[in-house]
Amino acid sequence: QNMEVVIILLIVGAIVWGIISAINDSEKQKENKAYLETEIDKMSYFTASQKIMGVKSEFLFAIDNNRKKIIHMTPKKKRIISYEDIMSVELLEDNTTIASRSLGRTVGGAVVGGVLAGGAGSVVGGLSGNQTMKKKVSFVKVKITVRDINQPTEEIVCFNARDVTMGEDSIKSDSMNGNLYYKPGLEKASKITDMVRIIIDEVERNTTTNNNSLQSSIADELSKLADLKAKGILTEEEFAAQKTKLLG
């Protein structure tokens, strides 16, 4: 009988602890959300055109499309990154890459980078096919590689099992916590990845357009120089010098 009383007390204690923890967690979320929204709204150098708040208000990701910048904020830090400094984005679930996009690069004559499996939001390993499968997940995060030798990566953690459990390393995707935190976290991570993918697309298009304009301008100048040489206005040496200057 004493054992039954002890068990009942333990169960009641666990329920009470759970209620108190839930209340404290809810208050912390409200404080985080209020702080992050207040901080970004009072920035004179950043005007958010789109925002994504973390599932538990643990972070805020936003885009300023006029100034061509993104921001990642937590209650402890913030980082602003220019579009042109973004080199790649990767959506990770545990140690598996779900989707990736990077600026095109040529290594050893082969083009690397670009989109994996059709682009951000698509699946490497079949997210759409496996989404309903029972599995255990530890974290979901977005990794952005930046042109900054001192801080080359920015990681946005959209789900962490330890933050929503009593220190457990992972949770089942179809559990209560999975439905409350993992799935919404994955959805937010996918949206962030999509946004950054679009930014990389824009940067690549602008770079290509600028390069084409430059090449066209050089071709026009060379044509003018050739015409001046043909008319005898420029000597061969002067033409060669100007050509070298243009191409140099």
C-alpha atoms as a PDB file:
ATOM      1  CA  GLN A   1       0.000   0.000   0.000  1.00  0.00           C
ATOM      2  CA  ASN A   2       2.849   2.355   0.840  1.00  0.00           C
ATOM      3  CA  MET A   3       4.349   1.605  -2.543  1.00  0.00           C
ATOM      4  CA  GLU A   4       1.089   2.556  -4.245  1.00  0.00           C
ATOM      5  CA  VAL A   5       1.051   5.871  -2.373  1.00  0.00           C
ATOM      6  CA  VAL A   6       4.616   6.564  -3.444  1.00  0.00           C
ATOM      7  CA  ILE A   7       3.770   5.799  -7.067  1.00  0.00           C
ATOM      8  CA  ILE A   8       0.713   8.058  -6.923  1.00  0.00           C
ATOM      9  CA  LEU A   9       2.779  10.868  -5.405  1.00  0.00           C
ATOM     10  CA  LEU A  10       5.418  10.462  -8.089  1.00  0.00           C
ATOM     11  CA  ILE A  11       2.791  10.605 -10.823  1.00  0.00           C
ATOM     12  CA  VAL A  12       1.152  13.676  -9.296  1.00  0.00           C
ATOM     13  CA  GLY A  13       4.581  15.297  -8.883  1.00  0.00           C
ATOM     14  CA  ALA A  14       5.430  14.615 -12.505  1.00  0.00           C
ATOM     15  CA  ILE A  15       2.116  16.117 -13.644  1.00  0.00           C
ATOM     16  CA  VAL A  16       2.599  19.215 -11.499  1.00  0.00           C
ATOM     17  CA  TRP A  17       6.181  19.610 -12.706  1.00  0.00           C
ATOM     18  CA  GLY A  18       4.991  19.262 -16.284  1.00  0.00           C
ATOM     19  CA  ILE A  19       2.343  21.948 -15.807  1.00  0.00           C
ATOM     20  CA  ILE A  20       4.801  24.344 -14.168  1.00  0.00           C
ATOM     21  CA  SER A  21       7.375  23.706 -16.917  1.00  0.00           C
ATOM     22  CA  ALA A  22       4.755  24.303 -19.614  1.00  0.00           C
ATOM     23  CA  ILE A  23       3.715  27.599 -17.995  1.00  0.00           C
ATOM     24  CA  ASN A  24       7.337  28.749 -17.665  1.00  0.00           C
ATOM     25  CA  ASP A  25       8.067  27.687 -21.238  1.00  0.00           C
ATOM     26  CA  SER A  26       5.039  29.590 -22.525  1.00  0.00           C
ATOM     27  CA  GLU A  27       6.090  32.741 -20.671  1.00  0.00           C
ATOM     28  CA  LYS A  28       9.626  32.453 -22.039  1.00  0.00           C
ATOM     29  CA  GLN A  29       8.271  32.094 -25.575  1.00  0.00           C
ATOM     30  CA  LYS A  30       6.165  35.234 -25.155  1.00  0.00           C
ATOM     31  CA  GLU A  31       9.165  37.168 -23.815  1.00  0.00           C
ATOM     32  CA  ASN A  32      11.401  35.981 -26.659  1.00  0.00           C
ATOM     33  CA  LYS A  33       8.818  36.850 -29.305  1.00  0.00           C
ATOM     34  CA  ALA A  34       8.195  40.319 -27.857  1.00  0.00           C
ATOM     35  CA  TYR A  35      11.932  41.003 -27.607  1.00  0.00           C
ATOM     36  CA  LEU A  36      12.768  39.843 -31.145  1.00  0.00           C
ATOM     37  CA  GLU A  37       9.864  41.723 -32.742  1.00  0.00           C
ATOM     38  CA  THR A  38      10.664  44.897 -30.803  1.00  0.00           C
ATOM     39  CA  GLU A  39      14.357  44.735 -31.696  1.00  0.00           C
ATOM     40  CA  ILE A  40      13.824  44.277 -35.429  1.00  0.00           C
ATOM     41  CA  ASP A  41      11.087  46.929 -35.597  1.00  0.00           C
ATOM     42  CA  LYS A  42      13.307  49.611 -34.103  1.00  0.00           C
ATOM     43  CA  MET A  43      16.206  49.000 -36.514  1.00  0.00           C
ATOM     44  CA  SER A  44      16.677  51.998 -38.795  1.00  0.00           C
ATOM     45  CA  TYR A  45      19.098  50.071 -41.022  1.00  0.00           C
ATOM     46  CA  PHE A  46      16.894  47.016 -41.631  1.00  0.00           C
ATOM     47  CA  THR A  47      13.259  46.925 -42.753  1.00  0.00           C
ATOM     48  CA  ALA A  48      11.877  43.412 -42.883  1.00  0.00           C
ATOM     49  CA  SER A  49       9.896  42.539 -46.002  1.00  0.00           C
ATOM     50  CA  GLN A  50       9.432  38.926 -44.831  1.00  0.00           C
ATOM     51  CA  LYS A  51       9.789  37.309 -41.398  1.00  0.00           C
ATOM     52  CA  ILE A  52       9.905  33.759 -40.048  1.00  0.00           C
ATOM     53  CA  MET A  53       9.666  33.292 -36.275  1.00  0.00           C
ATOM     54  CA  GLY A  54      11.002  30.077 -34.740  1.00  0.00           C
ATOM     55  CA  VAL A  55       8.515  27.488 -33.457  1.00  0.00           C
ATOM     56  CA  LYS A  56       9.249  28.419 -29.842  1.00  0.00           C
ATOM     57  CA  SER A  57      10.267  31.997 -30.678  1.00  0.00           C
ATOM     58  CA  GLU A  58      13.894  30.947 -30.230  1.00  0.00           C
ATOM     59  CA  PHE A  59      14.935  32.858 -33.362  1.00  0.00           C
ATOM     60  CA  LEU A  60      13.747  35.309 -35.979  1.00  0.00           C
ATOM     61  CA  PHE A  61      14.819  35.139 -39.616  1.00  0.00           C
ATOM     62  CA  ALA A  62      13.960  38.071 -41.870  1.00  0.00           C
ATOM     63  CA  ILE A  63      14.711  39.529 -45.293  1.00  0.00           C
ATOM     64  CA  ASP A  64      15.152  43.174 -46.257  1.00  0.00           C
ATOM     65  CA  ASN A  65      14.677  42.944 -50.007  1.00  0.00           C
ATOM     66  CA  ASN A  66      15.217  46.665 -50.560  1.00  0.00           C
ATOM     67  CA  ARG A  67      18.641  46.729 -48.893  1.00  0.00           C
ATOM     68  CA  LYS A  68      19.397  43.181 -50.117  1.00  0.00           C
ATOM     69  CA  LYS A  69      20.154  41.779 -46.669  1.00  0.00           C
ATOM     70  CA  ILE A  70      19.019  38.958 -44.394  1.00  0.00           C
ATOM     71  CA  ILE A  71      19.096  38.810 -40.610  1.00  0.00           C
ATOM     72  CA  HIS A  72      19.214  35.954 -38.117  1.00  0.00           C
ATOM     73  CA  MET A  73      18.342  37.000 -34.568  1.00  0.00           C
ATOM     74  CA  THR A  74      18.141  35.191 -31.239  1.00  0.00           C
ATOM     75  CA  PRO A  75      17.631  36.736 -27.789  1.00  0.00           C
ATOM     76  CA  LYS A  76      21.427  36.594 -27.395  1.00  0.00           C
ATOM     77  CA  LYS A  77      22.769  37.705 -30.790  1.00  0.00           C
ATOM     78  CA  LYS A  78      21.991  38.973 -34.252  1.00  0.00           C
ATOM     79  CA  ARG A  79      23.770  38.807 -37.589  1.00  0.00           C
ATOM     80  CA  ILE A  80      23.032  40.705 -40.784  1.00  0.00           C
ATOM     81  CA  ILE A  81      24.322  39.270 -44.077  1.00  0.00           C
ATOM     82  CA  SER A  82      24.294  40.911 -47.508  1.00  0.00           C
ATOM     83  CA  TYR A  83      22.822  38.952 -50.406  1.00  0.00           C
ATOM     84  CA  GLU A  84      26.112  39.133 -52.303  1.00  0.00           C
ATOM     85  CA  ASP A  85      27.977  37.496 -49.405  1.00  0.00           C
ATOM     86  CA  ILE A  86      25.818  34.359 -49.409  1.00  0.00           C
ATOM     87  CA  MET A  87      27.613  31.451 -51.068  1.00  0.00           C
ATOM     88  CA  SER A  88      25.355  28.497 -50.285  1.00  0.00           C
ATOM     89  CA  VAL A  89      22.441  27.219 -48.209  1.00  0.00           C
ATOM     90  CA  GLU A  90      21.874  23.719 -46.883  1.00  0.00           C
ATOM     91  CA  LEU A  91      18.918  22.157 -45.065  1.00  0.00           C
ATOM     92  CA  LEU A  92      20.074  19.469 -42.641  1.00  0.00           C
ATOM     93  CA  GLU A  93      18.106  16.884 -40.706  1.00  0.00           C
ATOM     94  CA  ASP A  94      20.525  15.304 -38.262  1.00  0.00           C
ATOM     95  CA  ASN A  95      23.514  14.517 -40.507  1.00  0.00           C
ATOM     96  CA  THR A  96      21.531  14.194 -43.734  1.00  0.00           C
ATOM     97  CA  THR A  97      21.311  16.938 -46.355  1.00  0.00           C
ATOM     98  CA  ILE A  98      17.671  17.402 -47.331  1.00  0.00           C
ATOM     99  CA  ALA A  99      18.233  20.195 -49.859  1.00  0.00           C
ATOM    100  CA  SER A 100      21.082  22.429 -50.972  1.00  0.00           C
ATOM    101  CA  ARG A 101      21.806  25.354 -53.277  1.00  0.00           C
ATOM    102  CA  SER A 102      25.097  27.121 -53.936  1.00  0.00           C
ATOM    103  CA  LEU A 103      26.610  29.625 -56.306  1.00  0.00           C
ATOM    104  CA  GLY A 104      27.981  27.802 -59.360  1.00  0.00           C
ATOM    105  CA  ARG A 105      31.676  27.023 -59.148  1.00  0.00           C
ATOM    106  CA  THR A 106      34.057  25.342 -61.570  1.00  0.00           C
ATOM    107  CA  VAL A 107      36.571  22.871 -60.121  1.00  0.00           C
ATOM    108  CA  GLY A 108      38.810  20.809 -62.360  1.00  0.00           C
ATOM    109  CA  GLY A 109      36.750  21.729 -65.407  1.00  0.00           C
ATOM    110  CA  ALA A 110      33.498  20.494 -63.867  1.00  0.00           C
ATOM    111  CA  VAL A 111      30.694  22.676 -62.604  1.00  0.00           C
ATOM    112  CA  VAL A 112      29.861  22.072 -58.943  1.00  0.00           C
ATOM    113  CA  GLY A 113      27.221  23.597 -56.720  1.00  0.00           C
ATOM    114  CA  GLY A 114      23.774  24.416 -57.993  1.00  0.00           C
ATOM    115  CA  VAL A 115      20.677  22.610 -56.795  1.00  0.00           C
ATOM    116  CA  LEU A 116      20.495  19.153 -55.257  1.00  0.00           C
ATOM    117  CA  ALA A 117      17.501  17.023 -56.202  1.00  0.00           C
ATOM    118  CA  GLY A 118      15.550  19.819 -57.816  1.00  0.00           C
ATOM    119  CA  GLY A 119      16.103  22.629 -55.350  1.00  0.00           C
ATOM    120  CA  ALA A 120      15.399  23.767 -51.856  1.00  0.00           C
ATOM    121  CA  GLY A 121      12.247  22.253 -50.475  1.00  0.00           C
ATOM    122  CA  SER A 122      12.815  19.110 -52.519  1.00  0.00           C
ATOM    123  CA  VAL A 123      14.248  15.973 -51.038  1.00  0.00           C
ATOM    124  CA  VAL A 124      17.488  14.106 -50.933  1.00  0.00           C
ATOM    125  CA  GLY A 125      16.427  10.789 -49.447  1.00  0.00           C
ATOM    126  CA  GLY A 126      12.736  11.436 -50.063  1.00  0.00           C
ATOM    127  CA  LEU A 127      11.184  13.784 -47.537  1.00  0.00           C
ATOM    128  CA  SER A 128       7.814  13.665 -49.298  1.00  0.00           C
ATOM    129  CA  GLY A 129       7.839   9.882 -49.444  1.00  0.00           C
ATOM    130  CA  ASN A 130       9.190   9.323 -45.932  1.00  0.00           C
ATOM    131  CA  GLN A 131       7.482  12.154 -44.094  1.00  0.00           C
ATOM    132  CA  THR A 132       4.887   9.839 -42.563  1.00  0.00           C
ATOM    133  CA  MET A 133       7.425   7.160 -41.679  1.00  0.00           C
ATOM    134  CA  LYS A 134       8.188   6.650 -38.001  1.00  0.00           C
ATOM    135  CA  LYS A 135      11.706   7.844 -37.298  1.00  0.00           C
ATOM    136  CA  LYS A 136      13.728   9.520 -34.581  1.00  0.00           C
ATOM    137  CA  VAL A 137      15.118  12.994 -35.145  1.00  0.00           C
ATOM    138  CA  SER A 138      17.633  15.019 -33.147  1.00  0.00           C
ATOM    139  CA  PHE A 139      17.747  18.352 -34.967  1.00  0.00           C
ATOM    140  CA  VAL A 140      16.789  20.297 -38.071  1.00  0.00           C
ATOM    141  CA  LYS A 141      18.838  23.314 -39.096  1.00  0.00           C
ATOM    142  CA  VAL A 142      19.651  25.611 -41.997  1.00  0.00           C
ATOM    143  CA  LYS A 143      23.345  26.190 -42.700  1.00  0.00           C
ATOM    144  CA  ILE A 144      24.297  29.301 -44.689  1.00  0.00           C
ATOM    145  CA  THR A 145      27.868  29.656 -45.974  1.00  0.00           C
ATOM    146  CA  VAL A 146      29.084  33.262 -46.108  1.00  0.00           C
ATOM    147  CA  ARG A 147      32.039  35.163 -47.589  1.00  0.00           C
ATOM    148  CA  ASP A 148      33.566  35.840 -44.177  1.00  0.00           C
ATOM    149  CA  ILE A 149      36.787  34.113 -43.195  1.00  0.00           C
ATOM    150  CA  ASN A 150      36.207  34.914 -39.513  1.00  0.00           C
ATOM    151  CA  GLN A 151      32.643  33.590 -39.436  1.00  0.00           C
ATOM    152  CA  PRO A 152      32.100  31.532 -42.596  1.00  0.00           C
ATOM    153  CA  THR A 153      28.828  29.869 -41.569  1.00  0.00           C
ATOM    154  CA  GLU A 154      25.553  30.898 -39.988  1.00  0.00           C
ATOM    155  CA  GLU A 155      23.385  28.115 -38.572  1.00  0.00           C
ATOM    156  CA  ILE A 156      19.669  28.503 -37.881  1.00  0.00           C
ATOM    157  CA  VAL A 157      18.449  25.723 -35.594  1.00  0.00           C
ATOM    158  CA  CYS A 158      14.757  25.193 -36.334  1.00  0.00           C
ATOM    159  CA  PHE A 159      14.317  22.100 -34.170  1.00  0.00           C
ATOM    160  CA  ASN A 160      16.408  20.569 -31.391  1.00  0.00           C
ATOM    161  CA  ALA A 161      15.096  17.537 -29.481  1.00  0.00           C
ATOM    162  CA  ARG A 162      16.907  18.544 -26.294  1.00  0.00           C
ATOM    163  CA  ASP A 163      15.039  21.851 -26.206  1.00  0.00           C
ATOM    164  CA  VAL A 164      11.587  20.233 -26.214  1.00  0.00           C
ATOM    165  CA  THR A 165      12.262  17.215 -23.971  1.00  0.00           C
ATOM    166  CA  MET A 166      13.910  16.486 -20.655  1.00  0.00           C
ATOM    167  CA  GLY A 167      17.321  16.303 -22.301  1.00  0.00           C
ATOM    168  CA  GLU A 168      16.547  13.467 -24.737  1.00  0.00           C
ATOM    169  CA  ASP A 169      18.868  13.216 -27.755  1.00  0.00           C
ATOM    170  CA  SER A 170      16.035  12.530 -30.215  1.00  0.00           C
ATOM    171  CA  ILE A 171      12.267  12.155 -30.516  1.00  0.00           C
ATOM    172  CA  LYS A 172       9.914  10.178 -32.729  1.00  0.00           C
ATOM    173  CA  SER A 173       8.661  12.225 -35.668  1.00  0.00           C
ATOM    174  CA  ASP A 174       5.088  11.014 -35.115  1.00  0.00           C
ATOM    175  CA  SER A 175       5.071  11.646 -31.357  1.00  0.00           C
ATOM    176  CA  MET A 176       3.294  14.542 -29.640  1.00  0.00           C
ATOM    177  CA  ASN A 177       6.518  16.572 -29.533  1.00  0.00           C
ATOM    178  CA  GLY A 178       7.156  15.575 -33.131  1.00  0.00           C
ATOM    179  CA  ASN A 179       3.849  17.046 -34.221  1.00  0.00           C
ATOM    180  CA  LEU A 180       4.235  20.123 -32.009  1.00  0.00           C
ATOM    181  CA  TYR A 181       7.857  20.985 -32.730  1.00  0.00           C
ATOM    182  CA  TYR A 182       9.647  18.788 -35.274  1.00  0.00           C
ATOM    183  CA  LYS A 183       7.191  19.073 -38.178  1.00  0.00           C
ATOM    184  CA  PRO A 184       6.604  22.846 -37.808  1.00  0.00           C
ATOM    185  CA  GLY A 185      10.379  23.296 -37.386  1.00  0.00           C
ATOM    186  CA  LEU A 186      11.040  21.361 -40.584  1.00  0.00           C
ATOM    187  CA  GLU A 187       8.456  23.462 -42.413  1.00  0.00           C
ATOM    188  CA  LYS A 188      10.078  26.714 -41.264  1.00  0.00           C
ATOM    189  CA  ALA A 189      13.531  25.399 -42.198  1.00  0.00           C
ATOM    190  CA  SER A 190      12.255  24.571 -45.684  1.00  0.00           C
ATOM    191  CA  LYS A 191      10.801  28.074 -46.100  1.00  0.00           C
ATOM    192  CA  ILE A 192      14.064  29.712 -45.017  1.00  0.00           C
ATOM    193  CA  THR A 193      16.022  27.492 -47.404  1.00  0.00           C
ATOM    194  CA  ASP A 194      13.656  28.384 -50.238  1.00  0.00           C
ATOM    195  CA  MET A 195      14.070  32.103 -49.542  1.00  0.00           C
ATOM    196  CA  VAL A 196      17.862  31.876 -49.522  1.00  0.00           C
ATOM    197  CA  ARG A 197      17.787  29.744 -52.676  1.00  0.00           C
ATOM    198  CA  ILE A 198      15.835  32.492 -54.437  1.00  0.00           C
ATOM    199  CA  ILE A 199      18.379  35.055 -53.202  1.00  0.00           C
ATOM    200  CA  ILE A 200      21.246  32.970 -54.622  1.00  0.00           C
ATOM    201  CA  ASP A 201      19.363  32.705 -57.929  1.00  0.00           C
ATOM    202  CA  GLU A 202      19.013  36.499 -58.000  1.00  0.00           C
ATOM    203  CA  VAL A 203      22.700  37.057 -57.246  1.00  0.00           C
ATOM    204  CA  GLU A 204      23.701  34.639 -60.016  1.00  0.00           C
ATOM    205  CA  ARG A 205      21.390  36.316 -62.534  1.00  0.00           C
ATOM    206  CA  ASN A 206      22.732  39.766 -61.667  1.00  0.00           C
ATOM    207  CA  THR A 207      26.330  38.535 -61.904  1.00  0.00           C
ATOM    208  CA  THR A 208      25.672  36.966 -65.301  1.00  0.00           C
ATOM    209  CA  THR A 209      23.943  40.135 -66.556  1.00  0.00           C
ATOM    210  CA  ASN A 210      26.802  42.331 -65.356  1.00  0.00           C
ATOM    211  CA  ASN A 211      29.392  40.057 -66.955  1.00  0.00           C
ATOM    212  CA  ASN A 212      27.495  40.047 -70.240  1.00  0.00           C
ATOM    213  CA  SER A 213      27.212  43.844 -70.159  1.00  0.00           C
ATOM    214  CA  LEU A 214      30.935  44.163 -69.470  1.00  0.00           C
ATOM    215  CA  GLN A 215      31.839  41.806 -72.301  1.00  0.00           C
ATOM    216  CA  SER A 216      29.532  43.680 -74.668  1.00  0.00           C
ATOM    217  CA  SER A 217      31.092  46.992 -73.666  1.00  0.00           C
ATOM    218  CA  ILE A 218      34.625  45.665 -74.235  1.00  0.00           C
ATOM    219  CA  ALA A 219      33.617  44.294 -77.637  1.00  0.00           C
ATOM    220  CA  ASP A 220      32.212  47.711 -78.623  1.00  0.00           C
ATOM    221  CA  GLU A 221      35.393  49.485 -77.537  1.00  0.00           C
ATOM    222  CA  LEU A 222      37.588  47.021 -79.457  1.00  0.00           C
ATOM    223  CA  SER A 223      35.461  47.554 -82.544  1.00  0.00           C
ATOM    224  CA  LYS A 224      35.933  51.339 -82.242  1.00  0.00           C
ATOM    225  CA  LEU A 225      39.687  50.928 -81.801  1.00  0.00           C
ATOM    226  CA  ALA A 226      39.892  48.682 -84.856  1.00  0.00           C
ATOM    227  CA  ASP A 227      37.977  51.279 -86.866  1.00  0.00           C
ATOM    228  CA  LEU A 228      40.379  54.037 -85.758  1.00  0.00           C
ATOM    229  CA  LYS A 229      43.359  51.878 -86.719  1.00  0.00           C
ATOM    230  CA  ALA A 230      41.817  51.117 -90.123  1.00  0.00           C
ATOM    231  CA  LYS A 231      41.384  54.854 -90.738  1.00  0.00           C
ATOM    232  CA  GLY A 232      45.023  55.469 -89.815  1.00  0.00           C
ATOM    233  CA  ILE A 233      44.163  57.507 -86.705  1.00  0.00           C
ATOM    234  CA  LEU A 234      45.835  54.927 -84.466  1.00  0.00           C
ATOM    235  CA  THR A 235      49.165  53.258 -85.177  1.00  0.00           C
ATOM    236  CA  GLU A 236      49.605  49.518 -84.718  1.00  0.00           C
ATOM    237  CA  GLU A 237      51.496  50.151 -81.468  1.00  0.00           C
ATOM    238  CA  GLU A 238      48.791  52.498 -80.122  1.00  0.00           C
ATOM    239  CA  PHE A 239      46.073  50.036 -81.080  1.00  0.00           C
ATOM    240  CA  ALA A 240      47.931  47.160 -79.326  1.00  0.00           C
ATOM    241  CA  ALA A 241      48.447  49.293 -76.201  1.00  0.00           C
ATOM    242  CA  GLN A 242      44.757  50.275 -75.976  1.00  0.00           C
ATOM    243  CA  LYS A 243      43.663  46.699 -76.650  1.00  0.00           C
ATOM    244  CA  THR A 244      45.905  45.392 -73.885  1.00  0.00           C
ATOM    245  CA  LYS A 245      44.511  48.024 -71.506  1.00  0.00           C
ATOM    246  CA  LEU A 246      40.931  47.018 -72.268  1.00  0.00           C
ATOM    247  CA  LEU A 247      41.525  43.294 -71.949  1.00  0.00           C
ATOM    248  CA  GLY A 248      43.805  43.666 -68.973  1.00  0.00           C
END
